[in-house]
Protein backbone atom coordinates (compact mmCIF):
# COMPACT_ATOMS: atom_id res chain seq x y z
CA UNK A 1 -20.31 9.10 7.44
CA UNK A 2 -18.59 7.80 4.32
CA UNK A 3 -14.98 7.44 3.29
CA UNK A 4 -14.33 3.73 3.71
CA UNK A 5 -14.85 2.76 0.05
CA UNK A 6 -12.90 3.36 -3.15
CA UNK A 7 -13.63 2.61 -6.80
CA UNK A 8 -16.71 2.83 -8.99
CA UNK A 9 -16.89 -0.40 -11.00
CA UNK A 10 -14.54 -2.35 -8.72
CA UNK A 11 -15.58 -1.05 -5.31
CA UNK A 12 -13.53 -1.87 -2.22
CA UNK A 13 -14.94 -1.23 1.26
CA UNK A 14 -12.59 -1.54 4.23
CA UNK A 15 -13.62 -2.41 7.80
CA UNK A 16 -12.06 -3.28 11.17
CA UNK A 17 -9.65 -1.85 13.74
CA UNK A 18 -6.17 -2.84 14.88
CA UNK A 19 -7.28 -4.41 18.19
CA UNK A 20 -10.87 -5.23 17.24
CA UNK A 21 -12.23 -8.63 16.23
CA UNK A 22 -10.90 -8.57 12.69
CA UNK A 23 -9.64 -6.62 9.69
CA UNK A 24 -11.58 -7.10 6.50
CA UNK A 25 -12.72 -5.91 3.13
CA UNK A 26 -15.73 -6.25 0.83
CA UNK A 27 -15.07 -6.26 -2.92
CA UNK A 28 -18.12 -5.44 -5.03
CA UNK A 29 -18.07 -5.53 -8.82
CA UNK A 30 -15.78 -8.52 -9.29
CA UNK A 31 -16.91 -10.33 -12.46
CA UNK A 32 -18.32 -13.83 -12.18
CA UNK A 33 -16.27 -16.83 -13.25
CA UNK A 34 -12.83 -15.79 -12.00
CA UNK A 35 -10.88 -18.71 -10.55
CA UNK A 36 -10.11 -17.63 -6.99
CA UNK A 37 -9.05 -19.50 -3.86
CA UNK A 38 -7.98 -18.69 -0.32
CA UNK A 39 -4.40 -19.53 -1.29
CA UNK A 40 -4.46 -16.83 -3.98
CA UNK A 41 -5.30 -14.25 -1.31
CA UNK A 42 -3.10 -15.78 1.39
CA UNK A 43 -0.02 -15.62 -0.81
CA UNK A 44 -0.26 -11.82 -0.98
CA UNK A 45 -1.31 -11.31 2.65
CA UNK A 46 1.72 -13.29 3.84
CA UNK A 47 3.97 -10.67 2.22
CA UNK A 48 2.82 -7.98 4.67
CA UNK A 49 2.17 -10.23 7.66
CA UNK A 50 3.53 -8.92 10.99
CA UNK A 51 6.76 -10.54 12.07
CA UNK A 52 7.63 -11.65 8.54
CA UNK A 53 11.07 -10.00 8.65
CA UNK A 54 13.87 -9.27 11.15
CA UNK A 55 13.09 -5.53 11.16
CA UNK A 56 9.36 -6.03 11.67
CA UNK A 57 7.06 -5.80 14.67
CA UNK A 58 7.04 -8.71 17.08
CA UNK A 59 3.25 -8.83 16.95
CA UNK A 60 2.89 -12.39 15.70
CA UNK A 61 -0.44 -12.36 13.88
CA UNK A 62 -1.04 -15.48 11.82
CA UNK A 63 -3.34 -13.58 9.42
CA UNK A 64 -5.26 -16.62 8.16
CA UNK A 65 -7.53 -15.41 5.38
CA UNK A 66 -11.24 -16.27 5.56
CA UNK A 67 -13.53 -15.78 2.55
CA UNK A 68 -17.13 -15.38 3.72
CA UNK A 69 -18.97 -14.78 0.46
CA UNK A 70 -18.74 -14.38 -3.30
CA UNK A 71 -16.94 -17.67 -4.07
CA UNK A 72 -18.60 -20.95 -5.03
CA UNK A 73 -16.88 -24.05 -6.40
CA UNK A 74 -13.61 -22.19 -6.79
CA UNK A 75 -14.96 -19.30 -8.88
CA UNK A 76 -16.40 -15.88 -8.16
CA UNK A 77 -20.17 -15.70 -8.36
CA UNK A 78 -20.54 -12.01 -9.18
CA UNK A 79 -21.75 -11.31 -5.63
CA UNK A 80 -19.69 -9.18 -3.21
CA UNK A 81 -16.55 -10.96 -2.01
CA UNK A 82 -16.11 -10.54 1.75
CA UNK A 83 -12.70 -11.44 3.22
CA UNK A 84 -11.12 -11.01 6.63
CA UNK A 85 -8.30 -11.93 8.99
CA UNK A 86 -8.79 -12.24 12.75
CA UNK A 87 -6.85 -10.18 15.30
CA UNK A 88 -5.42 -12.90 17.56
CA UNK A 89 -2.17 -11.59 19.08
CA UNK A 90 -3.60 -8.46 20.70
CA UNK A 91 -2.05 -6.75 23.74
CA UNK A 92 -3.85 -3.48 24.51
CA UNK A 93 -2.26 -2.89 27.90
CA UNK A 94 0.37 -0.47 26.67
CA UNK A 95 -2.29 1.67 25.00
CA UNK A 96 -4.49 1.83 28.10
CA UNK A 97 -1.59 3.39 30.01
CA UNK A 98 -1.11 6.20 27.48
CA UNK A 99 -4.64 6.70 26.18
CA UNK A 100 -4.62 10.39 27.18
CA UNK A 101 -1.10 11.05 25.89
CA UNK A 102 -1.15 12.15 22.26
CA UNK A 103 1.46 10.12 20.35
CA UNK A 104 3.47 12.42 18.04
CA UNK A 105 2.91 11.82 14.29
CA UNK A 106 -0.07 9.53 15.00
CA UNK A 107 -3.75 10.28 14.39
CA UNK A 108 -4.57 10.26 18.13
CA UNK A 109 -5.46 13.96 18.30
CA UNK A 110 -7.17 14.28 14.93
CA UNK A 111 -9.27 11.14 15.35
CA UNK A 112 -10.31 12.23 18.82
CA UNK A 113 -11.43 15.59 17.47
CA UNK A 114 -13.22 13.92 14.53
CA UNK A 115 -15.15 11.33 16.54
CA UNK A 116 -15.56 13.06 19.90
CA UNK A 117 -13.37 10.57 21.74
CA UNK A 118 -15.47 7.53 20.77
CA UNK A 119 -12.84 6.15 18.39
CA UNK A 120 -10.98 2.93 19.24
CA UNK A 121 -7.54 4.17 20.28
CA UNK A 122 -5.97 0.73 20.86
CA UNK A 123 -3.09 0.23 18.45
CA UNK A 124 -4.26 3.24 16.48
CA UNK A 125 -7.64 1.62 15.87
CA UNK A 126 -8.99 2.46 12.44
CA UNK A 127 -5.89 4.52 11.67
CA UNK A 128 -3.42 1.67 12.16
CA UNK A 129 -1.29 0.30 9.36
CA UNK A 130 -2.93 -3.03 10.16
CA UNK A 131 -5.98 -2.05 8.11
CA UNK A 132 -3.82 -2.47 5.01
CA UNK A 133 -4.22 -6.24 5.39
CA UNK A 134 -7.67 -5.67 3.90
CA UNK A 135 -6.18 -3.60 1.08
CA UNK A 136 -3.87 -6.48 0.20
CA UNK A 137 -6.76 -8.97 0.14
CA UNK A 138 -8.68 -6.77 -2.29
CA UNK A 139 -5.51 -6.20 -4.30
CA UNK A 140 -5.01 -9.94 -4.68
CA UNK A 141 -8.42 -10.20 -6.37
CA UNK A 142 -7.60 -7.22 -8.58
CA UNK A 143 -4.27 -8.75 -9.62
CA UNK A 144 -6.00 -11.96 -10.66
CA UNK A 145 -8.41 -9.96 -12.82
CA UNK A 146 -5.64 -7.85 -14.35
CA UNK A 147 -3.75 -11.06 -15.07
CA UNK A 148 -6.48 -12.00 -17.55
CA UNK A 149 -5.34 -8.91 -19.53
CA UNK A 150 -1.64 -9.70 -19.17
CA UNK A 151 -1.03 -6.76 -16.80
CA UNK A 152 1.74 -7.28 -14.23
CA UNK A 153 2.40 -5.07 -11.20
CA UNK A 154 5.74 -4.96 -9.42
CA UNK A 155 6.84 -3.00 -6.35
CA UNK A 156 10.17 -2.89 -4.56
CA UNK A 157 12.15 -0.90 -2.02
CA UNK A 158 14.46 1.69 -3.58
CA UNK A 159 15.52 3.66 -0.51
CA UNK A 160 15.61 3.34 3.30
CA UNK A 161 17.16 5.81 5.71
CA UNK A 162 18.79 7.76 2.89
CA UNK A 163 20.46 4.66 1.41
CA UNK A 164 19.38 4.37 -2.22
CA UNK A 165 19.38 1.20 -4.29
CA UNK A 166 21.04 1.18 -7.68
CA UNK A 167 19.24 0.44 -10.93
CA UNK A 168 17.97 -3.14 -11.13
CA UNK A 169 16.68 -5.25 -13.98
CA UNK A 170 13.09 -6.47 -14.13
CA UNK A 171 14.35 -9.98 -13.46
CA UNK A 172 15.92 -8.88 -10.15
CA UNK A 173 12.88 -6.80 -9.19
CA UNK A 174 10.63 -9.83 -9.74
CA UNK A 175 12.81 -11.76 -7.27
CA UNK A 176 13.12 -8.95 -4.71
CA UNK A 177 10.59 -10.67 -2.40
CA UNK A 178 13.28 -13.16 -1.35
CA UNK A 179 15.08 -10.27 0.37
CA UNK A 180 13.58 -9.31 3.77
CA UNK A 181 13.74 -5.64 2.78
CA UNK A 182 12.26 -6.37 -0.69
CA UNK A 183 15.13 -4.51 -2.29
CA UNK A 184 16.48 -5.79 -5.62
CA UNK A 185 19.96 -4.38 -4.91
CA UNK A 186 21.55 -6.88 -2.49
CA UNK A 187 24.48 -4.64 -1.58
CA UNK A 188 22.22 -1.68 -0.79
CA UNK A 189 19.86 -3.95 1.16
CA UNK A 190 22.71 -5.03 3.42
CA UNK A 191 23.54 -1.39 4.21
CA UNK A 192 19.85 -0.62 4.77
CA UNK A 193 19.56 -3.49 7.23
CA UNK A 194 22.50 -2.26 9.31
CA UNK A 195 21.04 1.24 9.37
CA UNK A 196 17.64 -0.05 10.51
CA UNK A 197 19.20 -2.17 13.25
CA UNK A 198 21.14 0.87 14.48
CA UNK A 199 17.97 2.97 14.56
CA UNK A 200 16.19 0.24 16.53
CA UNK A 201 19.01 0.11 19.08
CA UNK A 202 18.70 3.87 19.48
CA UNK A 203 14.95 3.63 20.04
CA UNK A 204 14.26 5.27 16.70
CA UNK A 205 12.84 4.40 13.27
CA UNK A 206 13.39 5.00 9.55
CA UNK A 207 11.33 5.72 6.46
CA UNK A 208 12.02 5.15 2.80
CA UNK A 209 10.82 5.04 -0.79
CA UNK A 210 8.97 2.31 -2.69
CA UNK A 211 8.81 2.14 -6.47
CA UNK A 212 5.78 0.63 -8.15
CA UNK A 213 5.32 -0.21 -11.81
CA UNK A 214 2.55 -1.67 -13.91
CA UNK A 215 3.55 -3.42 -17.13
CA UNK A 216 1.49 -4.06 -20.27
CA UNK A 217 -1.21 -1.58 -19.28
CA UNK A 218 -3.17 -0.71 -22.44
CA UNK A 219 -3.49 2.88 -23.60
CA UNK A 220 -6.76 4.62 -22.77
CA UNK A 221 -7.33 3.95 -19.04
CA UNK A 222 -8.36 7.01 -17.04
CA UNK A 223 -11.39 9.30 -16.80
CA UNK A 224 -10.45 13.00 -16.98
CA UNK A 225 -10.85 15.48 -15.55
CA UNK A 226 -11.50 14.50 -11.93
CA UNK A 227 -11.01 10.73 -12.23
CA UNK A 228 -7.59 10.87 -13.86
CA UNK A 229 -5.53 7.71 -13.60
CA UNK A 230 -2.73 9.31 -11.59
CA UNK A 231 -5.29 11.13 -9.44
CA UNK A 232 -7.04 7.88 -8.51
CA UNK A 233 -3.73 6.09 -7.98
CA UNK A 234 -2.51 8.88 -5.70
CA UNK A 235 -5.78 8.85 -3.73
CA UNK A 236 -5.51 5.09 -3.21
CA UNK A 237 -1.87 5.27 -2.16
CA UNK A 238 -2.52 8.11 0.27
CA UNK A 239 -5.06 5.84 2.00
CA UNK A 240 -2.04 3.85 3.23
CA UNK A 241 -1.42 5.38 6.69
CA UNK A 242 2.36 5.82 6.38
CA UNK A 243 2.43 7.40 2.89
CA UNK A 244 3.34 11.09 2.73
CA UNK A 245 4.26 11.56 -0.92
CA UNK A 246 3.56 10.13 -4.39
CA UNK A 247 5.24 10.99 -7.69
CA UNK A 248 4.90 9.65 -11.23
CA UNK A 249 7.61 9.12 -13.83
CA UNK A 250 10.32 11.75 -13.40
CA UNK A 251 8.18 13.21 -10.60
CA UNK A 252 9.53 16.32 -8.93
CA UNK A 253 12.58 16.04 -11.17
CA UNK A 254 10.57 17.64 -14.00
CA UNK A 255 10.83 20.95 -12.16
CA UNK A 256 14.57 20.96 -12.92
CA UNK A 257 14.24 19.93 -16.60
CA UNK A 258 13.72 21.80 -19.81
CA UNK A 259 10.86 20.86 -22.08
CA UNK A 260 13.33 19.33 -24.51
CA UNK A 261 14.55 17.05 -21.71
CA UNK A 262 11.19 16.18 -20.17
CA UNK A 263 9.18 15.56 -23.34
CA UNK A 264 8.83 11.89 -24.29
CA UNK A 265 9.29 11.63 -28.05
CA UNK A 266 6.86 9.30 -29.85
CA UNK A 267 8.37 6.43 -31.85
CA UNK A 268 7.17 3.34 -33.71
CA UNK A 269 8.45 0.11 -32.17
CA UNK A 270 7.32 -3.35 -33.28
CA UNK A 271 4.34 -1.84 -35.02
CA UNK A 272 3.16 0.06 -31.93
CA UNK A 273 3.25 3.71 -30.92
CA UNK A 274 5.53 4.11 -27.91
CA UNK A 275 7.75 6.79 -26.40
CA UNK A 276 11.53 6.90 -26.45
CA UNK A 277 11.63 7.85 -22.75
CA UNK A 278 9.04 7.61 -19.98
CA UNK A 279 9.28 10.79 -17.93
CA UNK A 280 5.48 10.90 -17.87
CA UNK A 281 5.34 7.60 -16.00
CA UNK A 282 3.00 6.07 -18.57
CA UNK A 283 0.22 8.63 -18.11
CA UNK A 284 -0.62 11.70 -20.25
CA UNK A 285 -3.64 13.91 -19.68
CA UNK A 286 -4.74 11.55 -16.91
CA UNK A 287 -4.90 8.63 -19.37
CA UNK A 288 -2.54 5.67 -19.74
CA UNK A 289 -0.42 5.85 -22.90
CA UNK A 290 0.62 2.19 -23.12
CA UNK A 291 4.06 2.66 -21.55
CA UNK A 292 4.85 1.18 -18.12
CA UNK A 293 3.15 3.11 -15.32
CA UNK A 294 5.89 4.06 -12.89
CA UNK A 295 5.53 5.78 -9.54
CA UNK A 296 7.34 6.22 -6.26
CA UNK A 297 5.88 6.43 -2.77
CA UNK A 298 7.46 8.17 0.22
CA UNK A 299 6.89 6.26 3.47
CA UNK A 300 7.44 8.08 6.75
CA UNK A 301 9.41 6.65 9.68
CA UNK A 302 7.30 4.55 12.04
CA UNK A 303 5.94 7.14 14.51
CA UNK A 304 5.88 4.73 17.46
CA UNK A 305 9.36 4.97 18.94
CA UNK A 306 10.69 4.26 22.43
CA UNK A 307 12.56 7.55 22.70
CA UNK A 308 11.15 10.11 25.13
CA UNK A 309 9.10 12.74 23.29
CA UNK A 310 7.22 15.92 24.17
CA UNK A 311 3.42 15.75 24.00
CA UNK A 312 0.18 16.82 25.66
CA UNK A 313 -1.97 14.94 28.17
CA UNK A 314 -5.37 15.64 26.63
CA UNK A 315 -7.18 14.46 29.76
CA UNK A 316 -5.43 17.01 31.98
CA UNK A 317 -4.81 19.52 29.15
CA UNK A 318 -1.18 19.97 30.14
CA UNK A 319 2.27 19.38 28.67
CA UNK A 320 3.70 15.92 29.25
CA UNK A 321 6.33 13.43 28.07
CA UNK A 322 5.74 10.08 26.41
CA UNK A 323 7.72 6.92 25.76
CA UNK A 324 5.79 4.59 23.46
CA UNK A 325 6.04 0.97 24.57
CA UNK A 326 4.71 -1.99 22.62
CA UNK A 327 5.66 -3.95 19.51
CA UNK A 328 6.50 -1.74 16.57
CA UNK A 329 8.36 -1.86 13.26
CA UNK A 330 11.70 -0.06 13.19
CA UNK A 331 10.97 0.44 9.49
CA UNK A 332 7.57 -0.06 7.88
CA UNK A 333 8.84 0.14 4.29
CA UNK A 334 9.30 -3.61 3.50
CA UNK A 335 5.78 -4.47 4.71
CA UNK A 336 4.34 -1.56 2.72
CA UNK A 337 5.72 -2.90 -0.58
CA UNK A 338 2.87 -5.42 -1.16
CA UNK A 339 0.39 -2.73 -0.11
CA UNK A 340 1.63 -0.44 -2.90
CA UNK A 341 1.18 -3.31 -5.35
CA UNK A 342 -2.34 -3.91 -4.03
CA UNK A 343 -3.46 -0.29 -4.28
CA UNK A 344 -2.14 0.03 -7.82
CA UNK A 345 -3.98 -3.16 -8.77
CA UNK A 346 -7.26 -1.98 -7.25
CA UNK A 347 -7.24 1.29 -9.20
CA UNK A 348 -6.12 -0.23 -12.50
CA UNK A 349 -8.72 -2.99 -12.18
CA UNK A 350 -11.43 -0.42 -11.51
CA UNK A 351 -10.48 1.58 -14.61
CA UNK A 352 -10.15 -1.55 -16.75
CA UNK A 353 -13.68 -2.56 -15.79
CA UNK A 354 -14.95 0.97 -16.47
CA UNK A 355 -13.34 0.78 -19.91
CA UNK A 356 -14.99 -2.66 -20.42
CA UNK A 357 -11.62 -4.30 -21.01
CA UNK A 358 -12.55 -6.99 -18.48
CA UNK A 359 -15.87 -8.78 -19.22
CA UNK A 360 -18.69 -9.14 -16.67
CA UNK A 361 -18.35 -12.92 -16.92
CA UNK A 362 -14.97 -14.59 -17.26
CA UNK A 363 -15.12 -17.85 -19.20
């Protein structure tokens, strides 16, 4: 079976399960000569590490990055880059007790049907949000490559539990990592935190919205009609287990606009063709137009909650109740922010390589 790889020129293959030996990724197609170190990867992985914030899971994984291949004397060799983190702080006991109880909003039922019950159910196995550690490792490599073109990718929290952040400058968004919720609006972040803490006390969880943007992306990236830039970005983002919606630019708001409101007028600015507005989110006809690529991602509430829920015991094939014990995030949104950045970087890097905007050997 396939389905664990993404990309054509910059190919990322994910492996590992939540409670298995490790979580890892193989990056094939990375040009030779790129300066790359463990610290470059570790810096990004630390942003999504379990236990990094007060609203996060108490699973205290250290997530020390290991690079097994593709790097020699501090530079990429052109060979596949294999990276992983070990699963150290594993407690599967809670999952053994409920292995026949289908957890609502999890992939327990669908994965069991898909793989005939042979799937690793501990911690969600292959369907756990923990696999995104590999996405972030690959994204760190992609960001380094895009940096050679001057492309910058930023992501930040714009809504949690119905509390929306106000407009923030790029300067504040760049510093949003200092906030545990990765929200550039400090006042909104404080309200979000109180709402999350209340949900945790009530044995519940919250979802939210993450905004991602890519700056200084050249015009011309994208391969219509089936490899459009927004199509590939959406596919990559939907690989993140908690994502349930993706929109670009004005998104669903275009349905309430007139053409005269939605159309982005072309203008000359500093000798370059740009648009006066950016309702398209930097993509037209599946191809980047040189404006910032903007998108928003809807993240569902963490499905593992301690409240009693109705379910089915698939072993006995009868109705049952479940209370999910274990160590879970009350809100997954802050830890998903670096994952959004990573997935955007992976897709943009792939398309930049396909367009030959990044050389095969970096001097």
